[in-house]
Amino acid sequence: MLNSIGYARMDRMIGAPAALAYVREPAAIEPPAASFDAAFSSSS
Protein backbone atom coordinates (compact mmCIF):
# COMPACT_ATOMS: atom_id res chain seq x y z
CA MET A 1 0.00 0.00 0.00
CA LEU A 2 2.77 2.48 0.84
CA ASN A 3 4.49 1.79 -2.47
CA SER A 4 1.30 2.71 -4.29
CA ILE A 5 1.43 6.25 -2.90
CA GLY A 6 5.12 6.69 -3.66
CA TYR A 7 6.48 6.09 -0.15
CA ALA A 8 10.18 5.27 -0.17
CA ARG A 9 12.10 3.96 2.82
CA MET A 10 15.24 5.74 3.94
CA ASP A 11 18.45 3.91 3.18
CA ARG A 12 20.13 2.81 6.43
CA MET A 13 23.57 3.81 5.18
CA ILE A 14 22.33 7.39 4.83
CA GLY A 15 19.74 7.57 7.59
CA ALA A 16 21.73 6.00 10.43
CA PRO A 17 24.64 8.49 10.41
CA ALA A 18 22.19 11.39 10.05
CA ALA A 19 20.12 10.14 13.00
CA LEU A 20 23.22 9.62 15.12
CA ALA A 21 24.45 13.14 14.41
CA TYR A 22 21.01 14.51 15.35
CA VAL A 23 20.97 12.61 18.64
CA ARG A 24 24.52 13.65 19.57
CA GLU A 25 23.96 17.33 18.74
CA PRO A 26 22.47 18.35 22.16
CA ALA A 27 25.43 16.72 23.91
CA ALA A 28 27.76 19.19 22.17
CA ILE A 29 26.07 22.17 23.85
CA GLU A 30 28.06 23.32 26.85
CA PRO A 31 26.07 24.52 29.88
CA PRO A 32 26.59 28.12 31.01
CA ALA A 33 29.11 28.82 33.75
CA ALA A 34 26.58 30.66 35.93
CA SER A 35 23.40 29.09 37.19
CA PHE A 36 20.02 30.31 35.98
CA ASP A 37 19.09 31.63 39.44
CA ALA A 38 22.32 33.62 39.68
CA ALA A 39 21.16 35.86 36.84
CA PHE A 40 18.24 37.05 38.99
CA SER A 41 19.97 37.39 42.36
CA SER A 42 20.77 40.82 43.68
CA SER A 43 24.39 41.12 44.73
CA SER A 44 24.22 44.78 45.83
C-alpha atoms as a PDB file:
ATOM      1  CA  MET A   1       0.000   0.000   0.000  1.00  0.00           C
ATOM      2  CA  LEU A   2       2.772   2.478   0.838  1.00  0.00           C
ATOM      3  CA  ASN A   3       4.494   1.790  -2.472  1.00  0.00           C
ATOM      4  CA  SER A   4       1.300   2.707  -4.291  1.00  0.00           C
ATOM      5  CA  ILE A   5       1.425   6.249  -2.903  1.00  0.00           C
ATOM      6  CA  GLY A   6       5.118   6.691  -3.659  1.00  0.00           C
ATOM      7  CA  TYR A   7       6.477   6.089  -0.148  1.00  0.00           C
ATOM      8  CA  ALA A   8      10.178   5.268  -0.167  1.00  0.00           C
ATOM      9  CA  ARG A   9      12.105   3.963   2.815  1.00  0.00           C
ATOM     10  CA  MET A  10      15.239   5.743   3.936  1.00  0.00           C
ATOM     11  CA  ASP A  11      18.452   3.907   3.184  1.00  0.00           C
ATOM     12  CA  ARG A  12      20.132   2.808   6.432  1.00  0.00           C
ATOM     13  CA  MET A  13      23.570   3.809   5.177  1.00  0.00           C
ATOM     14  CA  ILE A  14      22.334   7.392   4.831  1.00  0.00           C
ATOM     15  CA  GLY A  15      19.745   7.574   7.594  1.00  0.00           C
ATOM     16  CA  ALA A  16      21.730   6.000  10.429  1.00  0.00           C
ATOM     17  CA  PRO A  17      24.638   8.485  10.409  1.00  0.00           C
ATOM     18  CA  ALA A  18      22.188  11.386  10.049  1.00  0.00           C
ATOM     19  CA  ALA A  19      20.116  10.143  12.996  1.00  0.00           C
ATOM     20  CA  LEU A  20      23.219   9.616  15.122  1.00  0.00           C
ATOM     21  CA  ALA A  21      24.449  13.142  14.414  1.00  0.00           C
ATOM     22  CA  TYR A  22      21.006  14.505  15.345  1.00  0.00           C
ATOM     23  CA  VAL A  23      20.973  12.611  18.642  1.00  0.00           C
ATOM     24  CA  ARG A  24      24.520  13.653  19.571  1.00  0.00           C
ATOM     25  CA  GLU A  25      23.955  17.335  18.741  1.00  0.00           C
ATOM     26  CA  PRO A  26      22.466  18.346  22.157  1.00  0.00           C
ATOM     27  CA  ALA A  27      25.434  16.719  23.915  1.00  0.00           C
ATOM     28  CA  ALA A  28      27.763  19.188  22.171  1.00  0.00           C
ATOM     29  CA  ILE A  29      26.072  22.174  23.850  1.00  0.00           C
ATOM     30  CA  GLU A  30      28.061  23.324  26.855  1.00  0.00           C
ATOM     31  CA  PRO A  31      26.072  24.515  29.879  1.00  0.00           C
ATOM     32  CA  PRO A  32      26.590  28.116  31.005  1.00  0.00           C
ATOM     33  CA  ALA A  33      29.110  28.823  33.754  1.00  0.00           C
ATOM     34  CA  ALA A  34      26.579  30.664  35.935  1.00  0.00           C
ATOM     35  CA  SER A  35      23.398  29.089  37.192  1.00  0.00           C
ATOM     36  CA  PHE A  36      20.021  30.306  35.978  1.00  0.00           C
ATOM     37  CA  ASP A  37      19.090  31.632  39.437  1.00  0.00           C
ATOM     38  CA  ALA A  38      22.320  33.616  39.680  1.00  0.00           C
ATOM     39  CA  ALA A  39      21.162  35.858  36.838  1.00  0.00           C
ATOM     40  CA  PHE A  40      18.241  37.054  38.986  1.00  0.00           C
ATOM     41  CA  SER A  41      19.969  37.394  42.356  1.00  0.00           C
ATOM     42  CA  SER A  42      20.768  40.821  43.679  1.00  0.00           C
ATOM     43  CA  SER A  43      24.389  41.123  44.729  1.00  0.00           C
ATOM     44  CA  SER A  44      24.219  44.782  45.827  1.00  0.00           C
END
